[in-house]
Amino acid sequence: MTTLRTTPFSLSWGASVYAKVVARNIYGNSLVSTEGNGAIITTTPDSPINLTEDTSLRTKSTLGITWTKAEFNGGAVIIDYRISIAQVGGSYSVLASNLVNPSFTAIDLTSGITYQFKVESRNSYGYSAYSDSI
């Protein structure tokens, strides 16, 4: 990707790429192949940012969470988000996936336990790294 994104190509994220191939052996070069069906330069998106608690949704067993999509989407539209949860010091597990809006309300939480959340965004190439946790 780095080669295609820099000089002399300078292709942007989301650009279509087509390639032709020439094979070479001791007798010389083959004919040029027909061009392939193309590929699109993409990568995973950046992590969501500004993960915060929506305190207006807080109850003894409920927490609301909001975030902002990252500026860089990897050259492809963000499809959805996945949110993970952990008790402080514990391992994270997926709480919800296929979220299309940048917000979520966690329900049925245990009063008195401190939870941490982090979010990933997904495009057609895959998931981003995790956001900072709250």
N, C-alpha and C. Protein backbone atom coordinates (compact mmCIF):
# COMPACT_ATOMS: atom_id res chain seq x y z
N MET A 1 0.81 -1.18 0.00
CA MET A 1 0.00 0.00 0.00
C MET A 1 0.86 1.25 0.00
N THR A 2 1.95 1.23 0.76
CA THR A 2 2.81 2.40 0.84
C THR A 2 3.33 2.78 -0.54
N THR A 3 3.74 1.80 -1.34
CA THR A 3 4.25 2.08 -2.67
C THR A 3 3.18 2.71 -3.55
N LEU A 4 1.97 2.19 -3.50
CA LEU A 4 0.91 2.73 -4.34
C LEU A 4 0.45 4.11 -3.90
N ARG A 5 0.64 4.45 -2.62
CA ARG A 5 0.19 5.74 -2.09
C ARG A 5 1.22 6.84 -2.27
N THR A 6 2.47 6.50 -2.67
CA THR A 6 3.52 7.50 -2.82
C THR A 6 3.92 7.65 -4.28
N THR A 7 4.79 8.61 -4.56
CA THR A 7 5.27 8.89 -5.91
C THR A 7 5.95 7.65 -6.46
N PRO A 8 5.75 7.24 -7.68
CA PRO A 8 5.12 7.99 -8.75
C PRO A 8 3.61 7.75 -8.89
N PHE A 9 3.07 6.84 -8.09
CA PHE A 9 1.66 6.50 -8.26
C PHE A 9 0.73 7.50 -7.58
N SER A 10 0.98 7.80 -6.32
CA SER A 10 0.20 8.78 -5.55
C SER A 10 -1.31 8.52 -5.60
N LEU A 11 -1.69 7.26 -5.47
CA LEU A 11 -3.10 6.90 -5.51
C LEU A 11 -3.75 7.20 -4.15
N SER A 12 -4.98 7.62 -4.19
CA SER A 12 -5.70 7.93 -2.95
C SER A 12 -6.38 6.67 -2.43
N TRP A 13 -6.75 6.71 -1.12
CA TRP A 13 -7.52 5.61 -0.56
C TRP A 13 -8.83 5.52 -1.32
N GLY A 14 -9.24 4.32 -1.66
CA GLY A 14 -10.47 4.11 -2.40
C GLY A 14 -10.27 4.09 -3.91
N ALA A 15 -9.06 4.40 -4.38
CA ALA A 15 -8.77 4.39 -5.81
C ALA A 15 -8.79 2.96 -6.34
N SER A 16 -9.20 2.79 -7.59
CA SER A 16 -9.19 1.48 -8.23
C SER A 16 -7.81 1.21 -8.82
N VAL A 17 -7.35 -0.03 -8.71
CA VAL A 17 -6.05 -0.41 -9.24
C VAL A 17 -6.25 -1.62 -10.15
N TYR A 18 -5.66 -1.54 -11.34
CA TYR A 18 -5.69 -2.66 -12.28
C TYR A 18 -4.25 -3.00 -12.64
N ALA A 19 -3.96 -4.26 -12.83
CA ALA A 19 -2.59 -4.67 -13.12
C ALA A 19 -2.56 -5.61 -14.31
N LYS A 20 -1.45 -5.51 -15.06
CA LYS A 20 -1.15 -6.45 -16.13
C LYS A 20 0.19 -7.08 -15.77
N VAL A 21 0.40 -8.32 -16.19
CA VAL A 21 1.60 -9.06 -15.80
C VAL A 21 2.36 -9.52 -17.03
N VAL A 22 3.69 -9.45 -16.94
CA VAL A 22 4.58 -9.99 -17.96
C VAL A 22 5.52 -10.97 -17.26
N ALA A 23 5.57 -12.18 -17.77
CA ALA A 23 6.49 -13.18 -17.20
C ALA A 23 7.79 -13.15 -17.99
N ARG A 24 8.90 -13.40 -17.31
CA ARG A 24 10.20 -13.38 -17.99
C ARG A 24 10.95 -14.66 -17.63
N ASN A 25 11.57 -15.26 -18.66
CA ASN A 25 12.47 -16.40 -18.43
C ASN A 25 13.68 -16.23 -19.34
N ILE A 26 14.50 -17.28 -19.49
CA ILE A 26 15.73 -17.15 -20.28
C ILE A 26 15.46 -16.89 -21.76
N TYR A 27 14.24 -17.15 -22.22
CA TYR A 27 13.91 -16.94 -23.63
C TYR A 27 13.32 -15.56 -23.90
N GLY A 28 13.03 -14.83 -22.84
CA GLY A 28 12.49 -13.49 -23.02
C GLY A 28 11.19 -13.29 -22.26
N ASN A 29 10.45 -12.28 -22.69
CA ASN A 29 9.20 -11.90 -22.02
C ASN A 29 7.99 -12.58 -22.66
N SER A 30 7.01 -12.83 -21.86
CA SER A 30 5.73 -13.36 -22.36
C SER A 30 4.90 -12.21 -22.92
N LEU A 31 3.77 -12.54 -23.46
CA LEU A 31 2.81 -11.52 -23.84
C LEU A 31 2.27 -10.87 -22.58
N VAL A 32 1.79 -9.66 -22.70
CA VAL A 32 1.20 -8.97 -21.56
C VAL A 32 -0.17 -9.59 -21.28
N SER A 33 -0.44 -9.88 -20.03
CA SER A 33 -1.73 -10.47 -19.66
C SER A 33 -2.84 -9.44 -19.83
N THR A 34 -4.06 -9.94 -19.83
CA THR A 34 -5.18 -9.01 -19.82
C THR A 34 -5.27 -8.42 -18.43
N GLU A 35 -5.85 -7.24 -18.35
CA GLU A 35 -5.92 -6.59 -17.04
C GLU A 35 -6.92 -7.31 -16.16
N GLY A 36 -6.61 -7.38 -14.88
CA GLY A 36 -7.49 -8.03 -13.92
C GLY A 36 -8.76 -7.23 -13.70
N ASN A 37 -9.60 -7.74 -12.84
CA ASN A 37 -10.88 -7.07 -12.58
C ASN A 37 -10.75 -5.92 -11.59
N GLY A 38 -9.56 -5.66 -11.14
CA GLY A 38 -9.32 -4.49 -10.31
C GLY A 38 -9.40 -4.76 -8.82
N ALA A 39 -8.81 -3.87 -8.11
CA ALA A 39 -8.83 -3.90 -6.65
C ALA A 39 -8.98 -2.46 -6.19
N ILE A 40 -9.43 -2.30 -5.00
CA ILE A 40 -9.59 -0.96 -4.44
C ILE A 40 -8.62 -0.83 -3.28
N ILE A 41 -7.89 0.28 -3.25
CA ILE A 41 -6.93 0.52 -2.18
C ILE A 41 -7.69 0.86 -0.92
N THR A 42 -7.68 -0.07 0.03
CA THR A 42 -8.34 0.16 1.31
C THR A 42 -7.48 -0.39 2.44
N THR A 43 -7.79 0.01 3.60
CA THR A 43 -7.18 -0.52 4.80
C THR A 43 -8.22 -0.37 5.91
N THR A 44 -7.91 -0.87 7.06
CA THR A 44 -8.86 -0.72 8.16
C THR A 44 -8.96 0.75 8.56
N PRO A 45 -10.09 1.15 9.10
CA PRO A 45 -10.25 2.55 9.51
C PRO A 45 -9.48 2.85 10.79
N ASP A 46 -9.32 4.13 11.06
CA ASP A 46 -8.76 4.53 12.35
C ASP A 46 -9.77 4.22 13.45
N SER A 47 -9.31 4.20 14.67
CA SER A 47 -10.16 3.94 15.83
C SER A 47 -11.16 5.07 16.04
N PRO A 48 -12.34 4.74 16.55
CA PRO A 48 -13.28 5.80 16.95
C PRO A 48 -12.61 6.69 18.01
N ILE A 49 -13.06 7.93 18.08
CA ILE A 49 -12.46 8.89 19.03
C ILE A 49 -13.54 9.47 19.93
N ASN A 50 -13.10 10.20 20.93
CA ASN A 50 -14.00 10.91 21.85
C ASN A 50 -15.02 9.99 22.53
N LEU A 51 -14.60 8.81 22.93
CA LEU A 51 -15.48 7.89 23.66
C LEU A 51 -15.79 8.50 25.02
N THR A 52 -17.07 8.72 25.28
CA THR A 52 -17.48 9.35 26.53
C THR A 52 -18.76 8.71 27.06
N GLU A 53 -18.99 8.88 28.35
CA GLU A 53 -20.25 8.42 28.93
C GLU A 53 -21.31 9.49 28.75
N ASP A 54 -22.50 9.06 28.36
CA ASP A 54 -23.66 9.95 28.32
C ASP A 54 -24.31 9.86 29.69
N THR A 55 -23.96 10.78 30.57
CA THR A 55 -24.41 10.70 31.97
C THR A 55 -25.91 10.83 32.12
N SER A 56 -26.59 11.35 31.10
CA SER A 56 -28.06 11.47 31.19
C SER A 56 -28.73 10.10 31.18
N LEU A 57 -28.00 9.05 30.76
CA LEU A 57 -28.57 7.70 30.69
C LEU A 57 -28.15 6.83 31.87
N ARG A 58 -27.37 7.37 32.80
CA ARG A 58 -26.85 6.58 33.92
C ARG A 58 -27.95 6.27 34.93
N THR A 59 -28.04 5.00 35.29
CA THR A 59 -28.87 4.52 36.40
C THR A 59 -28.01 3.55 37.20
N LYS A 60 -28.61 2.84 38.16
CA LYS A 60 -27.85 1.84 38.93
C LYS A 60 -27.36 0.70 38.06
N SER A 61 -28.04 0.43 36.94
CA SER A 61 -27.68 -0.71 36.10
C SER A 61 -27.51 -0.37 34.62
N THR A 62 -27.44 0.93 34.30
CA THR A 62 -27.38 1.35 32.89
C THR A 62 -26.32 2.44 32.70
N LEU A 63 -25.56 2.33 31.61
CA LEU A 63 -24.61 3.37 31.21
C LEU A 63 -24.77 3.64 29.72
N GLY A 64 -24.81 4.91 29.37
CA GLY A 64 -24.85 5.30 27.96
C GLY A 64 -23.46 5.71 27.51
N ILE A 65 -23.11 5.35 26.29
CA ILE A 65 -21.78 5.62 25.74
C ILE A 65 -21.95 6.24 24.36
N THR A 66 -21.17 7.25 24.06
CA THR A 66 -21.16 7.85 22.72
C THR A 66 -19.72 7.98 22.25
N TRP A 67 -19.54 8.10 20.95
CA TRP A 67 -18.22 8.28 20.37
C TRP A 67 -18.35 8.99 19.03
N THR A 68 -17.22 9.37 18.49
CA THR A 68 -17.16 10.04 17.19
C THR A 68 -16.37 9.14 16.25
N LYS A 69 -16.84 9.04 15.01
CA LYS A 69 -16.06 8.25 14.06
C LYS A 69 -14.76 8.98 13.75
N ALA A 70 -13.73 8.21 13.47
CA ALA A 70 -12.43 8.78 13.14
C ALA A 70 -12.51 9.45 11.77
N GLU A 71 -11.64 10.42 11.55
CA GLU A 71 -11.64 11.12 10.27
C GLU A 71 -11.26 10.19 9.12
N PHE A 72 -10.29 9.30 9.34
CA PHE A 72 -9.82 8.41 8.28
C PHE A 72 -10.60 7.10 8.32
N ASN A 73 -11.32 6.80 7.24
CA ASN A 73 -12.15 5.60 7.20
C ASN A 73 -11.48 4.43 6.47
N GLY A 74 -10.22 4.58 6.08
CA GLY A 74 -9.51 3.49 5.40
C GLY A 74 -9.81 3.39 3.92
N GLY A 75 -10.51 4.36 3.38
CA GLY A 75 -10.85 4.35 1.96
C GLY A 75 -12.16 3.65 1.66
N ALA A 76 -12.87 3.24 2.69
CA ALA A 76 -14.15 2.56 2.50
C ALA A 76 -15.11 3.04 3.60
N VAL A 77 -16.37 3.00 3.29
CA VAL A 77 -17.41 3.47 4.21
C VAL A 77 -17.40 2.64 5.50
N ILE A 78 -17.58 3.32 6.64
CA ILE A 78 -17.72 2.61 7.92
C ILE A 78 -19.05 1.86 7.88
N ILE A 79 -18.99 0.56 8.11
CA ILE A 79 -20.18 -0.29 8.08
C ILE A 79 -20.89 -0.27 9.43
N ASP A 80 -20.10 -0.48 10.49
CA ASP A 80 -20.69 -0.56 11.83
C ASP A 80 -19.61 -0.48 12.89
N TYR A 81 -20.04 -0.62 14.13
CA TYR A 81 -19.15 -0.55 15.29
C TYR A 81 -19.35 -1.78 16.17
N ARG A 82 -18.30 -2.08 16.95
CA ARG A 82 -18.36 -3.17 17.92
C ARG A 82 -17.84 -2.62 19.24
N ILE A 83 -18.58 -2.89 20.32
CA ILE A 83 -18.19 -2.37 21.64
C ILE A 83 -17.85 -3.54 22.56
N SER A 84 -16.78 -3.36 23.32
CA SER A 84 -16.34 -4.39 24.26
C SER A 84 -16.38 -3.83 25.67
N ILE A 85 -16.54 -4.73 26.63
CA ILE A 85 -16.68 -4.36 28.04
C ILE A 85 -15.76 -5.23 28.89
N ALA A 86 -15.31 -4.64 30.00
CA ALA A 86 -14.52 -5.40 30.99
C ALA A 86 -14.75 -4.78 32.35
N GLN A 87 -14.66 -5.59 33.36
CA GLN A 87 -14.57 -5.04 34.71
C GLN A 87 -13.14 -4.54 34.85
N VAL A 88 -12.93 -3.47 35.59
CA VAL A 88 -11.58 -2.90 35.72
C VAL A 88 -10.59 -4.00 36.11
N GLY A 89 -9.52 -4.10 35.34
CA GLY A 89 -8.49 -5.11 35.58
C GLY A 89 -8.78 -6.45 34.94
N GLY A 90 -9.98 -6.62 34.38
CA GLY A 90 -10.34 -7.89 33.76
C GLY A 90 -10.16 -7.89 32.26
N SER A 91 -10.50 -9.00 31.65
CA SER A 91 -10.40 -9.15 30.20
C SER A 91 -11.64 -8.58 29.52
N TYR A 92 -11.42 -8.01 28.35
CA TYR A 92 -12.53 -7.48 27.56
C TYR A 92 -13.24 -8.59 26.81
N SER A 93 -14.55 -8.42 26.65
CA SER A 93 -15.34 -9.30 25.80
C SER A 93 -16.31 -8.44 25.01
N VAL A 94 -16.72 -8.93 23.86
CA VAL A 94 -17.64 -8.18 23.01
C VAL A 94 -19.00 -8.09 23.69
N LEU A 95 -19.47 -6.87 23.83
CA LEU A 95 -20.78 -6.62 24.43
C LEU A 95 -21.85 -6.50 23.36
N ALA A 96 -21.53 -5.83 22.26
CA ALA A 96 -22.49 -5.64 21.17
C ALA A 96 -21.72 -5.38 19.88
N SER A 97 -22.29 -5.84 18.77
CA SER A 97 -21.69 -5.59 17.46
C SER A 97 -22.78 -5.20 16.48
N ASN A 98 -22.37 -4.87 15.28
CA ASN A 98 -23.29 -4.43 14.22
C ASN A 98 -24.05 -3.16 14.60
N LEU A 99 -23.40 -2.29 15.40
CA LEU A 99 -24.02 -1.04 15.80
C LEU A 99 -23.81 -0.01 14.70
N VAL A 100 -24.87 0.57 14.18
CA VAL A 100 -24.73 1.54 13.09
C VAL A 100 -24.66 2.98 13.57
N ASN A 101 -25.12 3.25 14.76
CA ASN A 101 -25.05 4.60 15.32
C ASN A 101 -23.90 4.69 16.31
N PRO A 102 -23.29 5.86 16.43
CA PRO A 102 -22.15 6.02 17.35
C PRO A 102 -22.57 6.24 18.80
N SER A 103 -23.44 5.36 19.27
CA SER A 103 -23.87 5.40 20.66
C SER A 103 -24.40 4.03 21.06
N PHE A 104 -24.40 3.79 22.38
CA PHE A 104 -24.87 2.50 22.87
C PHE A 104 -25.27 2.66 24.33
N THR A 105 -26.30 1.94 24.74
CA THR A 105 -26.70 1.92 26.14
C THR A 105 -26.51 0.51 26.68
N ALA A 106 -25.59 0.39 27.64
CA ALA A 106 -25.34 -0.89 28.28
C ALA A 106 -26.35 -1.05 29.41
N ILE A 107 -27.05 -2.18 29.43
CA ILE A 107 -28.08 -2.42 30.44
C ILE A 107 -27.69 -3.63 31.29
N ASP A 108 -28.43 -3.84 32.36
CA ASP A 108 -28.22 -4.99 33.25
C ASP A 108 -26.82 -5.04 33.84
N LEU A 109 -26.22 -3.88 34.09
CA LEU A 109 -24.92 -3.84 34.75
C LEU A 109 -25.12 -3.99 36.25
N THR A 110 -24.10 -4.46 36.94
CA THR A 110 -24.19 -4.67 38.38
C THR A 110 -23.74 -3.41 39.11
N SER A 111 -24.59 -2.90 39.97
CA SER A 111 -24.28 -1.71 40.76
C SER A 111 -23.06 -1.96 41.62
N GLY A 112 -22.17 -0.97 41.70
CA GLY A 112 -20.98 -1.08 42.53
C GLY A 112 -19.76 -1.62 41.82
N ILE A 113 -19.91 -2.13 40.60
CA ILE A 113 -18.77 -2.64 39.82
C ILE A 113 -18.38 -1.55 38.82
N THR A 114 -17.08 -1.32 38.69
CA THR A 114 -16.58 -0.34 37.72
C THR A 114 -16.28 -1.06 36.41
N TYR A 115 -16.88 -0.57 35.34
CA TYR A 115 -16.72 -1.16 34.01
C TYR A 115 -15.87 -0.26 33.13
N GLN A 116 -15.23 -0.88 32.15
CA GLN A 116 -14.52 -0.16 31.11
C GLN A 116 -15.09 -0.58 29.76
N PHE A 117 -15.11 0.35 28.83
CA PHE A 117 -15.62 0.09 27.49
C PHE A 117 -14.61 0.58 26.47
N LYS A 118 -14.58 -0.06 25.31
CA LYS A 118 -13.81 0.42 24.17
C LYS A 118 -14.55 0.00 22.91
N VAL A 119 -14.30 0.73 21.83
CA VAL A 119 -15.07 0.58 20.59
C VAL A 119 -14.14 0.40 19.40
N GLU A 120 -14.60 -0.38 18.42
CA GLU A 120 -13.90 -0.53 17.14
C GLU A 120 -14.87 -0.13 16.03
N SER A 121 -14.33 0.40 14.95
CA SER A 121 -15.15 0.64 13.77
C SER A 121 -14.75 -0.36 12.70
N ARG A 122 -15.67 -0.63 11.77
CA ARG A 122 -15.40 -1.63 10.73
C ARG A 122 -15.77 -1.08 9.37
N ASN A 123 -14.89 -1.30 8.41
CA ASN A 123 -15.23 -1.06 7.01
C ASN A 123 -15.12 -2.39 6.28
N SER A 124 -15.18 -2.38 4.96
CA SER A 124 -15.15 -3.64 4.21
C SER A 124 -13.82 -4.37 4.33
N TYR A 125 -12.79 -3.70 4.81
CA TYR A 125 -11.48 -4.32 4.97
C TYR A 125 -11.31 -4.99 6.33
N GLY A 126 -12.03 -4.51 7.32
CA GLY A 126 -11.93 -5.12 8.65
C GLY A 126 -12.13 -4.11 9.77
N TYR A 127 -11.81 -4.54 10.99
CA TYR A 127 -11.98 -3.71 12.17
C TYR A 127 -10.76 -2.84 12.43
N SER A 128 -11.01 -1.67 12.99
CA SER A 128 -9.95 -0.78 13.44
C SER A 128 -9.32 -1.32 14.71
N ALA A 129 -8.29 -0.65 15.15
CA ALA A 129 -7.79 -0.90 16.51
C ALA A 129 -8.84 -0.39 17.48
N TYR A 130 -8.70 -0.73 18.75
CA TYR A 130 -9.64 -0.26 19.76
C TYR A 130 -9.46 1.24 20.01
N SER A 131 -10.56 1.87 20.36
CA SER A 131 -10.52 3.25 20.84
C SER A 131 -9.86 3.27 22.21
N ASP A 132 -9.58 4.45 22.70
CA ASP A 132 -9.20 4.57 24.11
C ASP A 132 -10.38 4.06 24.93
N SER A 133 -10.14 3.58 26.11
CA SER A 133 -11.24 3.06 26.92
C SER A 133 -11.73 4.12 27.90
N ILE A 134 -12.99 3.96 28.30
CA ILE A 134 -13.54 4.79 29.38
C ILE A 134 -14.04 3.85 30.44
